């Protein structure tokens, strides 16, 4: 294979840190797990990264009077340089004597999630997709990486393997289990490595004006508005596989895997 300089490797020590995250109490299209088995190939980290995952903090809640939930990256937790209006409202509710306010605050709290680049083996024609997931899937993946005999660096394009993620249940009763594919299989398409974006480019925080508009139920008038805020990437240009905003998740893409 001729692309060995185009990607990094999934560092075992990084998996150790992600395992601690997963057990603590504290692009293109987005991929969503279907009910039943999902066979995915996780792409390797970009050069300079120790892990194929990027951690973000997301709010997801349904505003009072709204029919549809909204989600966005939290400016406070992502250190975007301005305070988060949702967190400020939470702060007010947490000191309220009304137990309903404290319940609302808990439902609005930002939660950690992780993004990775994947290939859906059952729909490879869709190319590189961004997969957002929570602690239970992170724990399963980091467990595999930490076990050199059972999993190891499953993202390696030559010596890695596909991963099965099984989804059962719905809503708050949704559960996920993670299993290795069982044998080493090559990635199989050099073009995916050559066009692989930096997953960090998907960790975009809306600017303050656009976030306030979103909370009012409005949308930015220009697609570029999603790119004005701080991001965890390196300021590189975005390929077509990394231009989907986190705002484009559906209603039920956030609360399932916590």
C-alpha atoms as a PDB file:
ATOM      1  CA  UNK A   1       0.000   0.000   0.000  1.00  0.00           C
ATOM      2  CA  UNK A   2       1.319   3.446  -0.951  1.00  0.00           C
ATOM      3  CA  UNK A   3      -0.500   5.638   1.596  1.00  0.00           C
ATOM      4  CA  UNK A   4       1.458   4.919   4.769  1.00  0.00           C
ATOM      5  CA  UNK A   5       2.261   8.637   5.281  1.00  0.00           C
ATOM      6  CA  UNK A   6      -1.362   9.741   4.949  1.00  0.00           C
ATOM      7  CA  UNK A   7      -2.653   8.491   8.285  1.00  0.00           C
ATOM      8  CA  UNK A   8      -1.529   7.893  11.868  1.00  0.00           C
ATOM      9  CA  UNK A   9      -2.069   4.922  14.168  1.00  0.00           C
ATOM     10  CA  UNK A  10      -4.516   4.437  17.015  1.00  0.00           C
ATOM     11  CA  UNK A  11      -2.290   4.785  20.079  1.00  0.00           C
ATOM     12  CA  UNK A  12      -2.916   2.278  22.893  1.00  0.00           C
ATOM     13  CA  UNK A  13      -2.292   4.960  25.537  1.00  0.00           C
ATOM     14  CA  UNK A  14      -4.968   7.127  23.903  1.00  0.00           C
ATOM     15  CA  UNK A  15      -7.396   4.209  24.173  1.00  0.00           C
ATOM     16  CA  UNK A  16      -6.530   3.993  27.862  1.00  0.00           C
ATOM     17  CA  UNK A  17      -7.539   7.641  28.325  1.00  0.00           C
ATOM     18  CA  UNK A  18     -10.739   7.143  26.314  1.00  0.00           C
ATOM     19  CA  UNK A  19     -11.612   4.124  28.431  1.00  0.00           C
ATOM     20  CA  UNK A  20     -11.405   6.379  31.501  1.00  0.00           C
ATOM     21  CA  UNK A  21     -13.680   8.883  29.745  1.00  0.00           C
ATOM     22  CA  UNK A  22     -16.185   6.153  28.928  1.00  0.00           C
ATOM     23  CA  UNK A  23     -16.412   4.982  32.535  1.00  0.00           C
ATOM     24  CA  UNK A  24     -16.313   8.376  34.253  1.00  0.00           C
ATOM     25  CA  UNK A  25     -19.414   9.955  35.718  1.00  0.00           C
ATOM     26  CA  UNK A  26     -18.801  13.160  34.667  1.00  0.00           C
ATOM     27  CA  UNK A  27     -18.191  15.916   6.284  1.00  0.00           C
ATOM     28  CA  UNK A  28     -20.263  14.057   4.425  1.00  0.00           C
ATOM     29  CA  UNK A  29     -23.374  12.620   5.951  1.00  0.00           C
ATOM     30  CA  UNK A  30     -23.590  11.635   9.575  1.00  0.00           C
ATOM     31  CA  UNK A  31     -23.933   7.906  10.069  1.00  0.00           C
ATOM     32  CA  UNK A  32     -26.680   6.598  12.332  1.00  0.00           C
ATOM     33  CA  UNK A  33     -26.745   3.018  13.577  1.00  0.00           C
ATOM     34  CA  UNK A  34     -29.641   0.978  12.266  1.00  0.00           C
ATOM     35  CA  UNK A  35     -31.502  -1.465  14.459  1.00  0.00           C
ATOM     36  CA  UNK A  36     -29.661  -4.765  14.543  1.00  0.00           C
ATOM     37  CA  UNK A  37     -26.063  -5.295  13.384  1.00  0.00           C
ATOM     38  CA  UNK A  38     -24.044  -2.518  11.784  1.00  0.00           C
ATOM     39  CA  UNK A  39     -20.721  -3.431  10.167  1.00  0.00           C
ATOM     40  CA  UNK A  40     -18.383  -0.444  10.160  1.00  0.00           C
ATOM     41  CA  UNK A  41     -14.784   0.219   9.245  1.00  0.00           C
ATOM     42  CA  UNK A  42     -13.285   2.983  11.371  1.00  0.00           C
ATOM     43  CA  UNK A  43     -10.751   5.053   9.462  1.00  0.00           C
ATOM     44  CA  UNK A  44      -7.342   5.668  11.059  1.00  0.00           C
ATOM     45  CA  UNK A  45      -6.394   8.937  12.776  1.00  0.00           C
ATOM     46  CA  UNK A  46      -5.095  11.824  10.717  1.00  0.00           C
ATOM     47  CA  UNK A  47      -1.344  12.402  10.883  1.00  0.00           C
ATOM     48  CA  UNK A  48      -0.460  13.929  14.253  1.00  0.00           C
ATOM     49  CA  UNK A  49      -3.479  12.464  16.065  1.00  0.00           C
ATOM     50  CA  UNK A  50      -3.153   9.654  18.618  1.00  0.00           C
ATOM     51  CA  UNK A  51      -6.780   8.554  18.287  1.00  0.00           C
ATOM     52  CA  UNK A  52      -9.367   8.388  15.492  1.00  0.00           C
ATOM     53  CA  UNK A  53     -11.946  10.044  17.759  1.00  0.00           C
ATOM     54  CA  UNK A  54     -12.545  13.690  18.618  1.00  0.00           C
ATOM     55  CA  UNK A  55     -14.418  14.546  21.816  1.00  0.00           C
ATOM     56  CA  UNK A  56     -17.078  17.263  21.818  1.00  0.00           C
ATOM     57  CA  UNK A  57     -19.708  18.530  24.250  1.00  0.00           C
ATOM     58  CA  UNK A  58     -23.261  18.675  22.932  1.00  0.00           C
ATOM     59  CA  UNK A  59     -26.517  20.051  24.202  1.00  0.00           C
ATOM     60  CA  UNK A  60     -29.706  18.389  23.054  1.00  0.00           C
ATOM     61  CA  UNK A  61     -33.110  19.432  24.350  1.00  0.00           C
ATOM     62  CA  UNK A  62     -36.571  20.485  23.240  1.00  0.00           C
ATOM     63  CA  UNK A  63     -37.222  24.173  23.947  1.00  0.00           C
ATOM     64  CA  UNK A  64     -40.416  25.075  25.782  1.00  0.00           C
ATOM     65  CA  UNK A  65     -43.272  25.168  23.290  1.00  0.00           C
ATOM     66  CA  UNK A  66     -41.250  23.552  20.501  1.00  0.00           C
ATOM     67  CA  UNK A  67     -42.175  20.299  18.751  1.00  0.00           C
ATOM     68  CA  UNK A  68     -38.647  19.406  17.716  1.00  0.00           C
ATOM     69  CA  UNK A  69     -35.451  19.030  19.690  1.00  0.00           C
ATOM     70  CA  UNK A  70     -32.335  21.026  18.868  1.00  0.00           C
ATOM     71  CA  UNK A  71     -28.686  20.171  19.294  1.00  0.00           C
ATOM     72  CA  UNK A  72     -25.462  22.171  19.223  1.00  0.00           C
ATOM     73  CA  UNK A  73     -21.926  22.120  20.547  1.00  0.00           C
ATOM     74  CA  UNK A  74     -21.606  23.878  23.891  1.00  0.00           C
ATOM     75  CA  UNK A  75     -19.528  27.091  23.663  1.00  0.00           C
ATOM     76  CA  UNK A  76     -18.715  26.974  27.390  1.00  0.00           C
ATOM     77  CA  UNK A  77     -17.387  23.416  27.449  1.00  0.00           C
ATOM     78  CA  UNK A  78     -15.697  23.816  24.061  1.00  0.00           C
ATOM     79  CA  UNK A  79     -13.985  27.028  25.274  1.00  0.00           C
ATOM     80  CA  UNK A  80     -15.266  29.026  22.319  1.00  0.00           C
ATOM     81  CA  UNK A  81     -14.597  32.435  23.849  1.00  0.00           C
ATOM     82  CA  UNK A  82     -18.179  33.311  24.723  1.00  0.00           C
ATOM     83  CA  UNK A  83     -20.606  31.884  27.247  1.00  0.00           C
ATOM     84  CA  UNK A  84     -23.279  29.367  26.355  1.00  0.00           C
ATOM     85  CA  UNK A  85     -26.857  30.688  26.598  1.00  0.00           C
ATOM     86  CA  UNK A  86     -28.142  27.214  27.458  1.00  0.00           C
ATOM     87  CA  UNK A  87     -25.626  26.876  30.300  1.00  0.00           C
ATOM     88  CA  UNK A  88     -26.536  30.334  31.606  1.00  0.00           C
ATOM     89  CA  UNK A  89     -30.212  29.319  31.732  1.00  0.00           C
ATOM     90  CA  UNK A  90     -29.190  26.084  33.485  1.00  0.00           C
ATOM     91  CA  UNK A  91     -27.292  28.112  36.091  1.00  0.00           C
ATOM     92  CA  UNK A  92     -30.488  30.057  36.844  1.00  0.00           C
ATOM     93  CA  UNK A  93     -32.623  26.931  37.108  1.00  0.00           C
ATOM     94  CA  UNK A  94     -30.148  25.107  39.342  1.00  0.00           C
ATOM     95  CA  UNK A  95     -30.528  27.729  42.097  1.00  0.00           C
ATOM     96  CA  UNK A  96     -34.321  27.823  41.761  1.00  0.00           C
ATOM     97  CA  UNK A  97     -36.458  26.497  44.587  1.00  0.00           C
ATOM     98  CA  UNK A  98     -38.818  24.971  42.044  1.00  0.00           C
ATOM     99  CA  UNK A  99     -37.893  21.261  41.546  1.00  0.00           C
ATOM    100  CA  UNK A 100     -39.257  21.485  38.002  1.00  0.00           C
ATOM    101  CA  UNK A 101     -36.562  24.026  37.148  1.00  0.00           C
ATOM    102  CA  UNK A 102     -33.827  21.729  38.422  1.00  0.00           C
ATOM    103  CA  UNK A 103     -35.290  18.905  36.351  1.00  0.00           C
ATOM    104  CA  UNK A 104     -35.269  21.154  33.268  1.00  0.00           C
ATOM    105  CA  UNK A 105     -31.648  22.076  33.963  1.00  0.00           C
ATOM    106  CA  UNK A 106     -30.617  18.441  34.152  1.00  0.00           C
ATOM    107  CA  UNK A 107     -32.326  17.718  30.828  1.00  0.00           C
ATOM    108  CA  UNK A 108     -30.478  20.577  29.152  1.00  0.00           C
ATOM    109  CA  UNK A 109     -27.006  19.628  30.384  1.00  0.00           C
ATOM    110  CA  UNK A 110     -24.265  19.226  27.767  1.00  0.00           C
ATOM    111  CA  UNK A 111     -23.012  15.663  27.400  1.00  0.00           C
ATOM    112  CA  UNK A 112     -19.754  14.354  25.959  1.00  0.00           C
ATOM    113  CA  UNK A 113     -19.842  12.680  22.566  1.00  0.00           C
ATOM    114  CA  UNK A 114     -17.196  11.488  20.164  1.00  0.00           C
ATOM    115  CA  UNK A 115     -16.905  11.739  16.382  1.00  0.00           C
ATOM    116  CA  UNK A 116     -15.134   9.273  14.099  1.00  0.00           C
ATOM    117  CA  UNK A 117     -14.891   8.695  10.352  1.00  0.00           C
ATOM    118  CA  UNK A 118     -16.398   5.411   9.211  1.00  0.00           C
ATOM    119  CA  UNK A 119     -17.279   3.353   6.161  1.00  0.00           C
ATOM    120  CA  UNK A 120     -20.612   1.550   6.290  1.00  0.00           C
ATOM    121  CA  UNK A 121     -19.651  -1.831   4.833  1.00  0.00           C
ATOM    122  CA  UNK A 122     -23.254  -2.468   3.771  1.00  0.00           C
ATOM    123  CA  UNK A 123     -23.411   0.848   1.895  1.00  0.00           C
ATOM    124  CA  UNK A 124     -19.867   1.562   0.762  1.00  0.00           C
ATOM    125  CA  UNK A 125     -21.115   3.726  -2.100  1.00  0.00           C
ATOM    126  CA  UNK A 126     -21.904   6.419   0.513  1.00  0.00           C
ATOM    127  CA  UNK A 127     -18.172   6.798   1.138  1.00  0.00           C
ATOM    128  CA  UNK A 128     -16.751   8.391   4.280  1.00  0.00           C
ATOM    129  CA  UNK A 129     -19.356   9.267   6.910  1.00  0.00           C
ATOM    130  CA  UNK A 130     -19.128  10.935  10.329  1.00  0.00           C
ATOM    131  CA  UNK A 131     -20.288   8.775  13.229  1.00  0.00           C
ATOM    132  CA  UNK A 132     -21.249  10.457  16.502  1.00  0.00           C
ATOM    133  CA  UNK A 133     -21.575   8.268  19.594  1.00  0.00           C
ATOM    134  CA  UNK A 134     -21.561   8.309  23.392  1.00  0.00           C
ATOM    135  CA  UNK A 135     -19.835   6.571  26.263  1.00  0.00           C
ATOM    136  CA  UNK A 136     -21.121   3.020  25.842  1.00  0.00           C
ATOM    137  CA  UNK A 137     -19.807   2.706  22.282  1.00  0.00           C
ATOM    138  CA  UNK A 138     -16.575   4.506  23.233  1.00  0.00           C
ATOM    139  CA  UNK A 139     -16.006   2.002  26.021  1.00  0.00           C
ATOM    140  CA  UNK A 140     -16.531  -0.929  23.654  1.00  0.00           C
ATOM    141  CA  UNK A 141     -14.123   0.514  21.090  1.00  0.00           C
ATOM    142  CA  UNK A 142     -11.422   1.462  23.595  1.00  0.00           C
ATOM    143  CA  UNK A 143     -11.721  -1.989  25.212  1.00  0.00           C
ATOM    144  CA  UNK A 144     -10.971  -3.549  21.825  1.00  0.00           C
ATOM    145  CA  UNK A 145      -7.979  -1.281  21.222  1.00  0.00           C
ATOM    146  CA  UNK A 146      -6.542  -2.016  24.675  1.00  0.00           C
ATOM    147  CA  UNK A 147      -6.721  -5.788  24.055  1.00  0.00           C
ATOM    148  CA  UNK A 148      -3.955  -6.558  21.554  1.00  0.00           C
ATOM    149  CA  UNK A 149      -5.040 -10.205  21.240  1.00  0.00           C
ATOM    150  CA  UNK A 150      -8.749  -9.534  20.721  1.00  0.00           C
ATOM    151  CA  UNK A 151      -8.691  -6.247  18.825  1.00  0.00           C
ATOM    152  CA  UNK A 152      -5.601  -4.037  18.713  1.00  0.00           C
ATOM    153  CA  UNK A 153      -5.483  -1.161  16.230  1.00  0.00           C
ATOM    154  CA  UNK A 154      -8.625  -2.060  14.303  1.00  0.00           C
ATOM    155  CA  UNK A 155      -8.324   1.200  12.287  1.00  0.00           C
ATOM    156  CA  UNK A 156      -5.152   0.125  10.461  1.00  0.00           C
ATOM    157  CA  UNK A 157      -5.935   0.038   6.703  1.00  0.00           C
ATOM    158  CA  UNK A 158      -3.970  -3.174   6.143  1.00  0.00           C
ATOM    159  CA  UNK A 159      -3.897  -5.024   9.459  1.00  0.00           C
ATOM    160  CA  UNK A 160      -7.127  -3.722  10.983  1.00  0.00           C
ATOM    161  CA  UNK A 161     -10.620  -5.172  11.014  1.00  0.00           C
ATOM    162  CA  UNK A 162     -14.267  -4.269  10.657  1.00  0.00           C
ATOM    163  CA  UNK A 163     -16.300  -3.614  13.786  1.00  0.00           C
ATOM    164  CA  UNK A 164     -19.857  -4.750  14.491  1.00  0.00           C
ATOM    165  CA  UNK A 165     -22.113  -2.469  16.520  1.00  0.00           C
ATOM    166  CA  UNK A 166     -25.479  -3.938  17.449  1.00  0.00           C
ATOM    167  CA  UNK A 167     -28.332  -1.599  18.279  1.00  0.00           C
ATOM    168  CA  UNK A 168     -31.414  -2.729  20.183  1.00  0.00           C
ATOM    169  CA  UNK A 169     -34.333  -0.796  21.672  1.00  0.00           C
ATOM    170  CA  UNK A 170     -35.508   2.748  21.039  1.00  0.00           C
ATOM    171  CA  UNK A 171     -35.175   6.176  22.652  1.00  0.00           C
ATOM    172  CA  UNK A 172     -33.866   6.065  26.211  1.00  0.00           C
ATOM    173  CA  UNK A 173     -34.055   2.246  26.106  1.00  0.00           C
ATOM    174  CA  UNK A 174     -31.586   2.002  23.206  1.00  0.00           C
ATOM    175  CA  UNK A 175     -28.562  -0.200  23.897  1.00  0.00           C
ATOM    176  CA  UNK A 176     -25.388  -0.836  21.918  1.00  0.00           C
ATOM    177  CA  UNK A 177     -22.886  -3.683  21.958  1.00  0.00           C
ATOM    178  CA  UNK A 178     -19.520  -3.606  20.191  1.00  0.00           C
ATOM    179  CA  UNK A 179     -17.786  -6.673  18.715  1.00  0.00           C
ATOM    180  CA  UNK A 180     -14.717  -7.160  16.493  1.00  0.00           C
ATOM    181  CA  UNK A 181     -15.163  -8.516  12.989  1.00  0.00           C
ATOM    182  CA  UNK A 182     -13.152 -11.580  13.968  1.00  0.00           C
ATOM    183  CA  UNK A 183     -10.431 -11.454  11.320  1.00  0.00           C
ATOM    184  CA  UNK A 184      -8.018  -8.997   9.773  1.00  0.00           C
ATOM    185  CA  UNK A 185      -9.380  -7.377   6.634  1.00  0.00           C
ATOM    186  CA  UNK A 186      -7.837  -4.591   4.512  1.00  0.00           C
ATOM    187  CA  UNK A 187      -9.693  -1.317   4.134  1.00  0.00           C
ATOM    188  CA  UNK A 188      -9.898  -2.087   0.435  1.00  0.00           C
ATOM    189  CA  UNK A 189     -10.090   1.380  -1.143  1.00  0.00           C
ATOM    190  CA  UNK A 190      -7.054   3.653  -1.345  1.00  0.00           C
ATOM    191  CA  UNK A 191      -9.265   6.558  -2.418  1.00  0.00           C
ATOM    192  CA  UNK A 192     -10.791   6.739   1.080  1.00  0.00           C
ATOM    193  CA  UNK A 193      -7.343   7.303   2.572  1.00  0.00           C
ATOM    194  CA  UNK A 194      -6.380   9.834  -0.094  1.00  0.00           C
ATOM    195  CA  UNK A 195      -9.533  11.908   0.482  1.00  0.00           C
ATOM    196  CA  UNK A 196      -9.894  11.341   4.229  1.00  0.00           C
ATOM    197  CA  UNK A 197     -10.736  14.639   5.982  1.00  0.00           C
ATOM    198  CA  UNK A 198      -9.636  15.590   9.481  1.00  0.00           C
ATOM    199  CA  UNK A 199     -12.401  14.482  11.848  1.00  0.00           C
ATOM    200  CA  UNK A 200     -11.660  17.524  14.029  1.00  0.00           C
ATOM    201  CA  UNK A 201     -13.072  19.741  11.292  1.00  0.00           C
ATOM    202  CA  UNK A 202     -16.543  18.552  12.302  1.00  0.00           C
ATOM    203  CA  UNK A 203     -16.182  19.948  15.830  1.00  0.00           C
ATOM    204  CA  UNK A 204     -17.511  23.374  14.862  1.00  0.00           C
ATOM    205  CA  UNK A 205     -19.070  25.705  17.427  1.00  0.00           C
ATOM    206  CA  UNK A 206     -21.677  28.109  16.074  1.00  0.00           C
ATOM    207  CA  UNK A 207     -20.861  31.768  16.470  1.00  0.00           C
ATOM    208  CA  UNK A 208     -22.829  33.641  19.121  1.00  0.00           C
ATOM    209  CA  UNK A 209     -25.267  35.307  16.728  1.00  0.00           C
ATOM    210  CA  UNK A 210     -26.153  32.073  14.945  1.00  0.00           C
ATOM    211  CA  UNK A 211     -26.566  30.170  18.190  1.00  0.00           C
ATOM    212  CA  UNK A 212     -28.986  32.767  19.542  1.00  0.00           C
ATOM    213  CA  UNK A 213     -30.926  32.476  16.273  1.00  0.00           C
ATOM    214  CA  UNK A 214     -31.015  28.707  16.559  1.00  0.00           C
ATOM    215  CA  UNK A 215     -32.422  28.913  20.065  1.00  0.00           C
ATOM    216  CA  UNK A 216     -35.200  31.123  18.656  1.00  0.00           C
ATOM    217  CA  UNK A 217     -36.014  28.416  16.129  1.00  0.00           C
ATOM    218  CA  UNK A 218     -34.334  30.151  13.209  1.00  0.00           C
ATOM    219  CA  UNK A 219     -31.622  28.928  10.859  1.00  0.00           C
ATOM    220  CA  UNK A 220     -28.544  30.760   9.546  1.00  0.00           C
ATOM    221  CA  UNK A 221     -29.253  32.192   6.124  1.00  0.00           C
ATOM    222  CA  UNK A 222     -25.843  31.217   4.730  1.00  0.00           C
ATOM    223  CA  UNK A 223     -24.252  27.750   4.857  1.00  0.00           C
ATOM    224  CA  UNK A 224     -20.896  29.425   5.655  1.00  0.00           C
ATOM    225  CA  UNK A 225     -22.288  30.630   8.980  1.00  0.00           C
ATOM    226  CA  UNK A 226     -21.732  27.163  10.396  1.00  0.00           C
ATOM    227  CA  UNK A 227     -18.005  27.586   9.828  1.00  0.00           C
ATOM    228  CA  UNK A 228     -17.484  30.939  11.565  1.00  0.00           C
ATOM    229  CA  UNK A 229     -17.023  29.568  15.075  1.00  0.00           C
ATOM    230  CA  UNK A 230     -13.979  27.962  16.697  1.00  0.00           C
ATOM    231  CA  UNK A 231     -13.136  24.397  15.740  1.00  0.00           C
ATOM    232  CA  UNK A 232     -10.722  21.734  16.892  1.00  0.00           C
ATOM    233  CA  UNK A 233      -9.201  21.228  13.465  1.00  0.00           C
ATOM    234  CA  UNK A 234      -6.073  22.798  12.043  1.00  0.00           C
ATOM    235  CA  UNK A 235      -7.681  25.482   9.896  1.00  0.00           C
ATOM    236  CA  UNK A 236      -7.410  23.314   6.784  1.00  0.00           C
ATOM    237  CA  UNK A 237      -9.856  23.486   3.907  1.00  0.00           C
ATOM    238  CA  UNK A 238     -12.760  21.090   4.178  1.00  0.00           C
ATOM    239  CA  UNK A 239     -13.284  18.265   1.752  1.00  0.00           C
ATOM    240  CA  UNK A 240     -16.776  17.250   0.689  1.00  0.00           C
ATOM    241  CA  UNK A 241     -16.686  14.490   3.284  1.00  0.00           C
ATOM    242  CA  UNK A 242     -16.429  16.906   6.197  1.00  0.00           C
ATOM    243  CA  UNK A 243     -18.931  19.627   5.407  1.00  0.00           C
ATOM    244  CA  UNK A 244     -21.924  18.364   7.360  1.00  0.00           C
ATOM    245  CA  UNK A 245     -22.595  20.382  10.485  1.00  0.00           C
ATOM    246  CA  UNK A 246     -23.350  18.749  13.806  1.00  0.00           C
ATOM    247  CA  UNK A 247     -26.582  20.755  13.615  1.00  0.00           C
ATOM    248  CA  UNK A 248     -27.860  18.362  10.956  1.00  0.00           C
ATOM    249  CA  UNK A 249     -28.432  15.472  13.353  1.00  0.00           C
ATOM    250  CA  UNK A 250     -32.023  14.271  13.496  1.00  0.00           C
ATOM    251  CA  UNK A 251     -34.292  14.526  16.527  1.00  0.00           C
ATOM    252  CA  UNK A 252     -33.299  11.196  18.025  1.00  0.00           C
ATOM    253  CA  UNK A 253     -29.581  11.123  17.245  1.00  0.00           C
ATOM    254  CA  UNK A 254     -28.421  12.536  20.587  1.00  0.00           C
ATOM    255  CA  UNK A 255     -29.955  10.928  23.651  1.00  0.00           C
ATOM    256  CA  UNK A 256     -29.663   7.232  22.864  1.00  0.00           C
ATOM    257  CA  UNK A 257     -26.060   6.398  23.769  1.00  0.00           C
ATOM    258  CA  UNK A 258     -25.183   8.054  27.069  1.00  0.00           C
END
